Amino acid sequence: MEKSREHLFKPGNKMGGRKPGALNRSTEEMKLTIARATNNVLSTINTDLEEIKKKNPEKAMELAFKLLEYVMPKLSRTEMSGEINQKIQQISVNITQKSVEDSQM
């Protein structure tokens, strides 16, 4: 008794499976959990940063600078190159000492 093979997958058969771009359940749950945690942190970030600032101002500034990268992205490096075809004739350096009396004026 031989079984019929008509029901088996054939090339080009588009039945079943996830739609393109659809997330699986675990990925969807993970993204939702991260979004909820992020929202909780963002709602109290100002007060948290103020508390850290009271205890450790240096750490608060470090955190503020890290957060700043998300608001103002870092500029990419620009490299400049060129040639100078002139010789340097003379370099002068004048060092003067300011007296205490001059600085108080």
PDB file of N, CA and C in Angstrom:
ATOM      1  N   MET A   1       0.836  -1.158   0.000  1.00  0.00           N
ATOM      2  CA  MET A   1       0.000   0.000   0.000  1.00  0.00           C
ATOM      3  C   MET A   1       0.897   1.244   0.000  1.00  0.00           C
ATOM      4  N   GLU A   2       0.867   1.977  -1.067  1.00  0.00           N
ATOM      5  CA  GLU A   2       1.715   3.145  -1.223  1.00  0.00           C
ATOM      6  C   GLU A   2       0.938   4.417  -0.914  1.00  0.00           C
ATOM      7  N   LYS A   3       1.579   5.311  -0.164  1.00  0.00           N
ATOM      8  CA  LYS A   3       0.915   6.555   0.213  1.00  0.00           C
ATOM      9  C   LYS A   3       1.028   7.566  -0.920  1.00  0.00           C
ATOM     10  N   SER A   4       0.042   8.427  -0.993  1.00  0.00           N
ATOM     11  CA  SER A   4       0.045   9.482  -1.999  1.00  0.00           C
ATOM     12  C   SER A   4       1.020  10.584  -1.569  1.00  0.00           C
ATOM     13  N   ARG A   5       1.781  11.092  -2.509  1.00  0.00           N
ATOM     14  CA  ARG A   5       2.767  12.137  -2.203  1.00  0.00           C
ATOM     15  C   ARG A   5       2.322  13.510  -2.708  1.00  0.00           C
ATOM     16  N   GLU A   6       1.076  13.682  -3.031  1.00  0.00           N
ATOM     17  CA  GLU A   6       0.595  14.964  -3.549  1.00  0.00           C
ATOM     18  C   GLU A   6       0.609  16.063  -2.484  1.00  0.00           C
ATOM     19  N   HIS A   7       0.462  15.690  -1.245  1.00  0.00           N
ATOM     20  CA  HIS A   7       0.384  16.678  -0.181  1.00  0.00           C
ATOM     21  C   HIS A   7       1.760  17.219   0.250  1.00  0.00           C
ATOM     22  N   LEU A   8       2.855  16.607  -0.203  1.00  0.00           N
ATOM     23  CA  LEU A   8       4.190  17.028   0.193  1.00  0.00           C
ATOM     24  C   LEU A   8       4.555  18.379  -0.419  1.00  0.00           C
ATOM     25  N   PHE A   9       5.526  19.036   0.194  1.00  0.00           N
ATOM     26  CA  PHE A   9       5.965  20.356  -0.251  1.00  0.00           C
ATOM     27  C   PHE A   9       6.502  20.276  -1.671  1.00  0.00           C
ATOM     28  N   LYS A  10       6.085  21.232  -2.463  1.00  0.00           N
ATOM     29  CA  LYS A  10       6.569  21.331  -3.834  1.00  0.00           C
ATOM     30  C   LYS A  10       7.274  22.673  -3.992  1.00  0.00           C
ATOM     31  N   PRO A  11       8.274  22.777  -4.851  1.00  0.00           N
ATOM     32  CA  PRO A  11       8.955  24.052  -5.064  1.00  0.00           C
ATOM     33  C   PRO A  11       7.949  25.138  -5.463  1.00  0.00           C
ATOM     34  N   GLY A  12       8.102  26.321  -4.834  1.00  0.00           N
ATOM     35  CA  GLY A  12       7.204  27.420  -5.138  1.00  0.00           C
ATOM     36  C   GLY A  12       5.956  27.441  -4.275  1.00  0.00           C
ATOM     37  N   ASN A  13       5.772  26.416  -3.426  1.00  0.00           N
ATOM     38  CA  ASN A  13       4.602  26.365  -2.549  1.00  0.00           C
ATOM     39  C   ASN A  13       4.806  27.378  -1.432  1.00  0.00           C
ATOM     40  N   LYS A  14       3.943  28.392  -1.356  1.00  0.00           N
ATOM     41  CA  LYS A  14       4.101  29.472  -0.384  1.00  0.00           C
ATOM     42  C   LYS A  14       3.171  29.319   0.810  1.00  0.00           C
ATOM     43  N   MET A  15       2.751  28.146   1.110  1.00  0.00           N
ATOM     44  CA  MET A  15       1.821  27.945   2.216  1.00  0.00           C
ATOM     45  C   MET A  15       2.581  27.764   3.520  1.00  0.00           C
ATOM     46  N   GLY A  16       2.089  28.420   4.575  1.00  0.00           N
ATOM     47  CA  GLY A  16       2.662  28.232   5.905  1.00  0.00           C
ATOM     48  C   GLY A  16       3.921  29.055   6.131  1.00  0.00           C
ATOM     49  N   GLY A  17       4.432  28.972   7.337  1.00  0.00           N
ATOM     50  CA  GLY A  17       5.641  29.698   7.695  1.00  0.00           C
ATOM     51  C   GLY A  17       5.350  31.130   8.122  1.00  0.00           C
ATOM     52  N   ARG A  18       6.365  31.772   8.634  1.00  0.00           N
ATOM     53  CA  ARG A  18       6.214  33.170   9.047  1.00  0.00           C
ATOM     54  C   ARG A  18       6.312  34.085   7.850  1.00  0.00           C
ATOM     55  N   LYS A  19       5.659  35.205   7.969  1.00  0.00           N
ATOM     56  CA  LYS A  19       5.744  36.236   6.941  1.00  0.00           C
ATOM     57  C   LYS A  19       7.125  36.882   7.034  1.00  0.00           C
ATOM     58  N   PRO A  20       7.649  37.427   5.942  1.00  0.00           N
ATOM     59  CA  PRO A  20       8.950  38.103   6.005  1.00  0.00           C
ATOM     60  C   PRO A  20       8.924  39.252   7.019  1.00  0.00           C
ATOM     61  N   GLY A  21       9.938  39.310   7.861  1.00  0.00           N
ATOM     62  CA  GLY A  21      10.038  40.362   8.866  1.00  0.00           C
ATOM     63  C   GLY A  21       9.314  40.060  10.166  1.00  0.00           C
ATOM     64  N   ALA A  22       8.556  38.988  10.226  1.00  0.00           N
ATOM     65  CA  ALA A  22       7.832  38.639  11.449  1.00  0.00           C
ATOM     66  C   ALA A  22       8.824  38.110  12.489  1.00  0.00           C
ATOM     67  N   LEU A  23       8.642  38.501  13.740  1.00  0.00           N
ATOM     68  CA  LEU A  23       9.527  38.064  14.815  1.00  0.00           C
ATOM     69  C   LEU A  23       9.015  36.770  15.435  1.00  0.00           C
ATOM     70  N   ASN A  24       9.945  35.941  15.908  1.00  0.00           N
ATOM     71  CA  ASN A  24       9.490  34.778  16.647  1.00  0.00           C
ATOM     72  C   ASN A  24       9.106  35.216  18.055  1.00  0.00           C
ATOM     73  N   ARG A  25       8.425  34.379  18.789  1.00  0.00           N
ATOM     74  CA  ARG A  25       7.883  34.778  20.094  1.00  0.00           C
ATOM     75  C   ARG A  25       8.960  35.193  21.091  1.00  0.00           C
ATOM     76  N   SER A  26      10.056  34.440  21.140  1.00  0.00           N
ATOM     77  CA  SER A  26      11.088  34.765  22.134  1.00  0.00           C
ATOM     78  C   SER A  26      11.742  36.108  21.823  1.00  0.00           C
ATOM     79  N   THR A  27      11.978  36.412  20.545  1.00  0.00           N
ATOM     80  CA  THR A  27      12.557  37.705  20.174  1.00  0.00           C
ATOM     81  C   THR A  27      11.592  38.827  20.506  1.00  0.00           C
ATOM     82  N   GLU A  28      10.343  38.629  20.235  1.00  0.00           N
ATOM     83  CA  GLU A  28       9.328  39.642  20.509  1.00  0.00           C
ATOM     84  C   GLU A  28       9.224  39.915  22.014  1.00  0.00           C
ATOM     85  N   GLU A  29       9.228  38.853  22.828  1.00  0.00           N
ATOM     86  CA  GLU A  29       9.158  38.997  24.281  1.00  0.00           C
ATOM     87  C   GLU A  29      10.406  39.692  24.823  1.00  0.00           C
ATOM     88  N   MET A  30      11.577  39.351  24.276  1.00  0.00           N
ATOM     89  CA  MET A  30      12.823  39.960  24.716  1.00  0.00           C
ATOM     90  C   MET A  30      12.814  41.467  24.408  1.00  0.00           C
ATOM     91  N   LYS A  31      12.396  41.844  23.221  1.00  0.00           N
ATOM     92  CA  LYS A  31      12.353  43.263  22.849  1.00  0.00           C
ATOM     93  C   LYS A  31      11.362  44.020  23.713  1.00  0.00           C
ATOM     94  N   LEU A  32      10.246  43.414  24.017  1.00  0.00           N
ATOM     95  CA  LEU A  32       9.241  44.052  24.865  1.00  0.00           C
ATOM     96  C   LEU A  32       9.774  44.244  26.288  1.00  0.00           C
ATOM     97  N   THR A  33      10.469  43.243  26.818  1.00  0.00           N
ATOM     98  CA  THR A  33      11.043  43.338  28.161  1.00  0.00           C
ATOM     99  C   THR A  33      12.100  44.437  28.231  1.00  0.00           C
ATOM    100  N   ILE A  34      12.957  44.502  27.225  1.00  0.00           N
ATOM    101  CA  ILE A  34      13.994  45.541  27.185  1.00  0.00           C
ATOM    102  C   ILE A  34      13.359  46.923  27.061  1.00  0.00           C
ATOM    103  N   ALA A  35      12.324  47.057  26.252  1.00  0.00           N
ATOM    104  CA  ALA A  35      11.636  48.343  26.089  1.00  0.00           C
ATOM    105  C   ALA A  35      11.009  48.798  27.404  1.00  0.00           C
ATOM    106  N   ARG A  36      10.403  47.882  28.138  1.00  0.00           N
ATOM    107  CA  ARG A  36       9.795  48.232  29.431  1.00  0.00           C
ATOM    108  C   ARG A  36      10.858  48.679  30.434  1.00  0.00           C
ATOM    109  N   ALA A  37      11.960  47.934  30.495  1.00  0.00           N
ATOM    110  CA  ALA A  37      13.037  48.281  31.432  1.00  0.00           C
ATOM    111  C   ALA A  37      13.635  49.640  31.075  1.00  0.00           C
ATOM    112  N   THR A  38      13.821  49.888  29.794  1.00  0.00           N
ATOM    113  CA  THR A  38      14.367  51.163  29.346  1.00  0.00           C
ATOM    114  C   THR A  38      13.437  52.311  29.696  1.00  0.00           C
ATOM    115  N   ASN A  39      12.148  52.123  29.509  1.00  0.00           N
ATOM    116  CA  ASN A  39      11.179  53.166  29.856  1.00  0.00           C
ATOM    117  C   ASN A  39      11.218  53.473  31.348  1.00  0.00           C
ATOM    118  N   ASN A  40      11.357  52.452  32.184  1.00  0.00           N
ATOM    119  CA  ASN A  40      11.445  52.668  33.635  1.00  0.00           C
ATOM    120  C   ASN A  40      12.688  53.477  33.993  1.00  0.00           C
ATOM    121  N   VAL A  41      13.819  53.151  33.369  1.00  0.00           N
ATOM    122  CA  VAL A  41      15.066  53.862  33.643  1.00  0.00           C
ATOM    123  C   VAL A  41      14.968  55.308  33.151  1.00  0.00           C
ATOM    124  N   LEU A  42      14.436  55.511  31.965  1.00  0.00           N
ATOM    125  CA  LEU A  42      14.352  56.858  31.401  1.00  0.00           C
ATOM    126  C   LEU A  42      13.434  57.769  32.197  1.00  0.00           C
ATOM    127  N   SER A  43      12.429  57.202  32.830  1.00  0.00           N
ATOM    128  CA  SER A  43      11.496  58.036  33.594  1.00  0.00           C
ATOM    129  C   SER A  43      12.134  58.598  34.861  1.00  0.00           C
ATOM    130  N   THR A  44      13.193  57.961  35.353  1.00  0.00           N
ATOM    131  CA  THR A  44      13.831  58.441  36.590  1.00  0.00           C
ATOM    132  C   THR A  44      15.277  58.886  36.387  1.00  0.00           C
ATOM    133  N   ILE A  45      15.702  59.024  35.151  1.00  0.00           N
ATOM    134  CA  ILE A  45      17.123  59.294  34.892  1.00  0.00           C
ATOM    135  C   ILE A  45      17.581  60.631  35.473  1.00  0.00           C
ATOM    136  N   ASN A  46      16.743  61.659  35.424  1.00  0.00           N
ATOM    137  CA  ASN A  46      17.141  62.961  35.977  1.00  0.00           C
ATOM    138  C   ASN A  46      17.387  62.890  37.480  1.00  0.00           C
ATOM    139  N   THR A  47      16.468  62.287  38.210  1.00  0.00           N
ATOM    140  CA  THR A  47      16.646  62.197  39.667  1.00  0.00           C
ATOM    141  C   THR A  47      17.819  61.278  40.017  1.00  0.00           C
ATOM    142  N   ASP A  48      17.978  60.206  39.260  1.00  0.00           N
ATOM    143  CA  ASP A  48      19.105  59.299  39.515  1.00  0.00           C
ATOM    144  C   ASP A  48      20.437  60.009  39.297  1.00  0.00           C
ATOM    145  N   LEU A  49      20.540  60.790  38.231  1.00  0.00           N
ATOM    146  CA  LEU A  49      21.771  61.509  37.942  1.00  0.00           C
ATOM    147  C   LEU A  49      22.055  62.566  39.006  1.00  0.00           C
ATOM    148  N   GLU A  50      21.021  63.201  39.512  1.00  0.00           N
ATOM    149  CA  GLU A  50      21.200  64.190  40.593  1.00  0.00           C
ATOM    150  C   GLU A  50      21.710  63.524  41.871  1.00  0.00           C
ATOM    151  N   GLU A  51      21.189  62.342  42.200  1.00  0.00           N
ATOM    152  CA  GLU A  51      21.654  61.612  43.385  1.00  0.00           C
ATOM    153  C   GLU A  51      23.122  61.208  43.236  1.00  0.00           C
ATOM    154  N   ILE A  52      23.483  60.738  42.057  1.00  0.00           N
ATOM    155  CA  ILE A  52      24.878  60.352  41.810  1.00  0.00           C
ATOM    156  C   ILE A  52      25.768  61.582  41.895  1.00  0.00           C
ATOM    157  N   LYS A  53      25.283  62.705  41.390  1.00  0.00           N
ATOM    158  CA  LYS A  53      26.046  63.961  41.410  1.00  0.00           C
ATOM    159  C   LYS A  53      26.356  64.408  42.839  1.00  0.00           C
ATOM    160  N   LYS A  54      25.413  64.192  43.758  1.00  0.00           N
ATOM    161  CA  LYS A  54      25.629  64.570  45.156  1.00  0.00           C
ATOM    162  C   LYS A  54      26.726  63.723  45.799  1.00  0.00           C
ATOM    163  N   LYS A  55      26.736  62.424  45.483  1.00  0.00           N
ATOM    164  CA  LYS A  55      27.688  61.507  46.099  1.00  0.00           C
ATOM    165  C   LYS A  55      29.032  61.495  45.389  1.00  0.00           C
ATOM    166  N   ASN A  56      28.992  61.536  44.058  1.00  0.00           N
ATOM    167  CA  ASN A  56      30.213  61.409  43.260  1.00  0.00           C
ATOM    168  C   ASN A  56      30.080  62.244  41.989  1.00  0.00           C
ATOM    169  N   PRO A  57      30.418  63.529  42.051  1.00  0.00           N
ATOM    170  CA  PRO A  57      30.248  64.408  40.884  1.00  0.00           C
ATOM    171  C   PRO A  57      31.038  63.957  39.660  1.00  0.00           C
ATOM    172  N   GLU A  58      32.205  63.371  39.883  1.00  0.00           N
ATOM    173  CA  GLU A  58      33.027  62.905  38.764  1.00  0.00           C
ATOM    174  C   GLU A  58      32.315  61.799  37.993  1.00  0.00           C
ATOM    175  N   LYS A  59      31.721  60.860  38.698  1.00  0.00           N
ATOM    176  CA  LYS A  59      30.986  59.761  38.065  1.00  0.00           C
ATOM    177  C   LYS A  59      29.754  60.297  37.329  1.00  0.00           C
ATOM    178  N   ALA A  60      29.084  61.299  37.903  1.00  0.00           N
ATOM    179  CA  ALA A  60      27.908  61.889  37.275  1.00  0.00           C
ATOM    180  C   ALA A  60      28.276  62.536  35.945  1.00  0.00           C
ATOM    181  N   MET A  61      29.407  63.222  35.901  1.00  0.00           N
ATOM    182  CA  MET A  61      29.850  63.845  34.655  1.00  0.00           C
ATOM    183  C   MET A  61      30.210  62.788  33.617  1.00  0.00           C
ATOM    184  N   GLU A  62      30.846  61.731  34.066  1.00  0.00           N
ATOM    185  CA  GLU A  62      31.204  60.633  33.161  1.00  0.00           C
ATOM    186  C   GLU A  62      29.949  60.036  32.522  1.00  0.00           C
ATOM    187  N   LEU A  63      28.929  59.805  33.338  1.00  0.00           N
ATOM    188  CA  LEU A  63      27.665  59.272  32.817  1.00  0.00           C
ATOM    189  C   LEU A  63      26.981  60.263  31.884  1.00  0.00           C
ATOM    190  N   ALA A  64      27.024  61.545  32.229  1.00  0.00           N
ATOM    191  CA  ALA A  64      26.407  62.569  31.385  1.00  0.00           C
ATOM    192  C   ALA A  64      27.078  62.614  30.012  1.00  0.00           C
ATOM    193  N   PHE A  65      28.409  62.490  29.990  1.00  0.00           N
ATOM    194  CA  PHE A  65      29.111  62.488  28.714  1.00  0.00           C
ATOM    195  C   PHE A  65      28.777  61.255  27.884  1.00  0.00           C
ATOM    196  N   LYS A  66      28.599  60.119  28.529  1.00  0.00           N
ATOM    197  CA  LYS A  66      28.205  58.913  27.797  1.00  0.00           C
ATOM    198  C   LYS A  66      26.807  59.075  27.208  1.00  0.00           C
ATOM    199  N   LEU A  67      25.904  59.688  27.962  1.00  0.00           N
ATOM    200  CA  LEU A  67      24.547  59.919  27.457  1.00  0.00           C
ATOM    201  C   LEU A  67      24.537  60.947  26.337  1.00  0.00           C
ATOM    202  N   LEU A  68      25.450  61.893  26.390  1.00  0.00           N
ATOM    203  CA  LEU A  68      25.524  62.947  25.388  1.00  0.00           C
ATOM    204  C   LEU A  68      25.782  62.386  23.989  1.00  0.00           C
ATOM    205  N   GLU A  69      26.477  61.261  23.918  1.00  0.00           N
ATOM    206  CA  GLU A  69      26.764  60.637  22.617  1.00  0.00           C
ATOM    207  C   GLU A  69      25.491  60.230  21.884  1.00  0.00           C
ATOM    208  N   TYR A  70      24.404  59.999  22.612  1.00  0.00           N
ATOM    209  CA  TYR A  70      23.156  59.613  21.975  1.00  0.00           C
ATOM    210  C   TYR A  70      22.375  60.827  21.485  1.00  0.00           C
ATOM    211  N   VAL A  71      22.739  62.006  21.966  1.00  0.00           N
ATOM    212  CA  VAL A  71      22.084  63.234  21.546  1.00  0.00           C
ATOM    213  C   VAL A  71      22.893  63.924  20.457  1.00  0.00           C
ATOM    214  N   MET A  72      24.199  64.019  20.694  1.00  0.00           N
ATOM    215  CA  MET A  72      25.108  64.638  19.736  1.00  0.00           C
ATOM    216  C   MET A  72      26.155  63.604  19.342  1.00  0.00           C
ATOM    217  N   PRO A  73      26.032  63.011  18.168  1.00  0.00           N
ATOM    218  CA  PRO A  73      26.998  61.985  17.776  1.00  0.00           C
ATOM    219  C   PRO A  73      28.399  62.558  17.614  1.00  0.00           C
ATOM    220  N   LYS A  74      29.381  61.718  17.833  1.00  0.00           N
ATOM    221  CA  LYS A  74      30.769  62.134  17.682  1.00  0.00           C
ATOM    222  C   LYS A  74      31.045  62.428  16.211  1.00  0.00           C
ATOM    223  N   LEU A  75      31.867  63.428  15.974  1.00  0.00           N
ATOM    224  CA  LEU A  75      32.262  63.743  14.603  1.00  0.00           C
ATOM    225  C   LEU A  75      33.351  62.774  14.170  1.00  0.00           C
ATOM    226  N   SER A  76      33.321  62.418  12.906  1.00  0.00           N
ATOM    227  CA  SER A  76      34.348  61.508  12.419  1.00  0.00           C
ATOM    228  C   SER A  76      35.651  62.275  12.226  1.00  0.00           C
ATOM    229  N   ARG A  77      36.722  61.561  12.271  1.00  0.00           N
ATOM    230  CA  ARG A  77      38.031  62.182  12.137  1.00  0.00           C
ATOM    231  C   ARG A  77      38.245  62.637  10.705  1.00  0.00           C
ATOM    232  N   THR A  78      38.928  63.756  10.568  1.00  0.00           N
ATOM    233  CA  THR A  78      39.278  64.272   9.250  1.00  0.00           C
ATOM    234  C   THR A  78      40.788  64.372   9.193  1.00  0.00           C
ATOM    235  N   GLU A  79      41.344  63.786   8.184  1.00  0.00           N
ATOM    236  CA  GLU A  79      42.792  63.814   8.047  1.00  0.00           C
ATOM    237  C   GLU A  79      43.154  64.803   6.949  1.00  0.00           C
ATOM    238  N   MET A  80      44.071  65.693   7.281  1.00  0.00           N
ATOM    239  CA  MET A  80      44.540  66.673   6.306  1.00  0.00           C
ATOM    240  C   MET A  80      46.003  66.394   6.017  1.00  0.00           C
ATOM    241  N   SER A  81      46.348  66.447   4.775  1.00  0.00           N
ATOM    242  CA  SER A  81      47.745  66.250   4.418  1.00  0.00           C
ATOM    243  C   SER A  81      48.114  67.245   3.325  1.00  0.00           C
ATOM    244  N   GLY A  82      49.373  67.532   3.227  1.00  0.00           N
ATOM    245  CA  GLY A  82      49.847  68.459   2.218  1.00  0.00           C
ATOM    246  C   GLY A  82      51.342  68.646   2.354  1.00  0.00           C
ATOM    247  N   GLU A  83      51.875  69.434   1.450  1.00  0.00           N
ATOM    248  CA  GLU A  83      53.306  69.689   1.470  1.00  0.00           C
ATOM    249  C   GLU A  83      53.550  71.189   1.547  1.00  0.00           C
ATOM    250  N   ILE A  84      54.590  71.547   2.251  1.00  0.00           N
ATOM    251  CA  ILE A  84      55.036  72.935   2.302  1.00  0.00           C
ATOM    252  C   ILE A  84      56.374  72.977   1.570  1.00  0.00           C
ATOM    253  N   ASN A  85      56.429  73.792   0.562  1.00  0.00           N
ATOM    254  CA  ASN A  85      57.643  73.852  -0.253  1.00  0.00           C
ATOM    255  C   ASN A  85      58.585  74.967   0.172  1.00  0.00           C
ATOM    256  N   GLN A  86      58.321  75.597   1.293  1.00  0.00           N
ATOM    257  CA  GLN A  86      59.180  76.668   1.773  1.00  0.00           C
ATOM    258  C   GLN A  86      59.937  76.192   3.008  1.00  0.00           C
ATOM    259  N   LYS A  87      61.143  76.661   3.137  1.00  0.00           N
ATOM    260  CA  LYS A  87      61.940  76.327   4.313  1.00  0.00           C
ATOM    261  C   LYS A  87      61.624  77.321   5.416  1.00  0.00           C
ATOM    262  N   ILE A  88      61.661  76.852   6.642  1.00  0.00           N
ATOM    263  CA  ILE A  88      61.435  77.726   7.784  1.00  0.00           C
ATOM    264  C   ILE A  88      62.725  78.498   8.029  1.00  0.00           C
ATOM    265  N   GLN A  89      62.643  79.816   7.982  1.00  0.00           N
ATOM    266  CA  GLN A  89      63.819  80.667   8.132  1.00  0.00           C
ATOM    267  C   GLN A  89      64.182  80.881   9.599  1.00  0.00           C
ATOM    268  N   GLN A  90      63.152  81.186  10.429  1.00  0.00           N
ATOM    269  CA  GLN A  90      63.457  81.534  11.806  1.00  0.00           C
ATOM    270  C   GLN A  90      62.222  81.273  12.663  1.00  0.00           C
ATOM    271  N   ILE A  91      62.441  80.800  13.874  1.00  0.00           N
ATOM    272  CA  ILE A  91      61.377  80.639  14.857  1.00  0.00           C
ATOM    273  C   ILE A  91      61.800  81.404  16.097  1.00  0.00           C
ATOM    274  N   SER A  92      60.941  82.301  16.554  1.00  0.00           N
ATOM    275  CA  SER A  92      61.241  83.103  17.736  1.00  0.00           C
ATOM    276  C   SER A  92      60.280  82.747  18.851  1.00  0.00           C
ATOM    277  N   VAL A  93      60.809  82.604  20.051  1.00  0.00           N
ATOM    278  CA  VAL A  93      59.985  82.344  21.227  1.00  0.00           C
ATOM    279  C   VAL A  93      60.384  83.366  22.284  1.00  0.00           C
ATOM    280  N   ASN A  94      59.437  84.186  22.707  1.00  0.00           N
ATOM    281  CA  ASN A  94      59.683  85.176  23.749  1.00  0.00           C
ATOM    282  C   ASN A  94      58.976  84.726  25.016  1.00  0.00           C
ATOM    283  N   ILE A  95      59.725  84.528  26.069  1.00  0.00           N
ATOM    284  CA  ILE A  95      59.152  84.105  27.347  1.00  0.00           C
ATOM    285  C   ILE A  95      59.275  85.275  28.304  1.00  0.00           C
ATOM    286  N   THR A  96      58.138  85.677  28.832  1.00  0.00           N
ATOM    287  CA  THR A  96      58.136  86.772  29.792  1.00  0.00           C
ATOM    288  C   THR A  96      57.544  86.275  31.089  1.00  0.00           C
ATOM    289  N   GLN A  97      57.992  86.860  32.169  1.00  0.00           N
ATOM    290  CA  GLN A  97      57.481  86.472  33.470  1.00  0.00           C
ATOM    291  C   GLN A  97      56.617  87.610  33.986  1.00  0.00           C
ATOM    292  N   LYS A  98      55.417  87.271  34.361  1.00  0.00           N
ATOM    293  CA  LYS A  98      54.481  88.259  34.878  1.00  0.00           C
ATOM    294  C   LYS A  98      54.702  88.368  36.381  1.00  0.00           C
ATOM    295  N   SER A  99      54.845  89.572  36.836  1.00  0.00           N
ATOM    296  CA  SER A  99      55.064  89.743  38.271  1.00  0.00           C
ATOM    297  C   SER A  99      53.730  89.689  39.012  1.00  0.00           C
ATOM    298  N   VAL A 100      53.773  89.478  40.290  1.00  0.00           N
ATOM    299  CA  VAL A 100      52.593  89.377  41.128  1.00  0.00           C
ATOM    300  C   VAL A 100      51.839  90.697  41.111  1.00  0.00           C
ATOM    301  N   GLU A 101      52.560  91.816  41.097  1.00  0.00           N
ATOM    302  CA  GLU A 101      51.932  93.132  41.092  1.00  0.00           C
ATOM    303  C   GLU A 101      51.143  93.365  39.805  1.00  0.00           C
ATOM    304  N   ASP A 102      51.671  92.907  38.648  1.00  0.00           N
ATOM    305  CA  ASP A 102      50.985  93.065  37.365  1.00  0.00           C
ATOM    306  C   ASP A 102      49.687  92.262  37.319  1.00  0.00           C
ATOM    307  N   SER A 103      49.679  91.078  37.909  1.00  0.00           N
ATOM    308  CA  SER A 103      48.499  90.224  37.853  1.00  0.00           C
ATOM    309  C   SER A 103      47.363  90.726  38.724  1.00  0.00           C
ATOM    310  N   GLN A 104      47.668  91.559  39.742  1.00  0.00           N
ATOM    311  CA  GLN A 104      46.628  92.076  40.629  1.00  0.00           C
ATOM    312  C   GLN A 104      45.970  93.321  40.065  1.00  0.00           C
ATOM    313  N   MET A 105      46.500  93.896  39.018  1.00  0.00           N
ATOM    314  CA  MET A 105      45.931  95.123  38.447  1.00  0.00           C
ATOM    315  C   MET A 105      44.756  94.852  37.596  1.00  0.00           C
TER     316      MET A 105
END
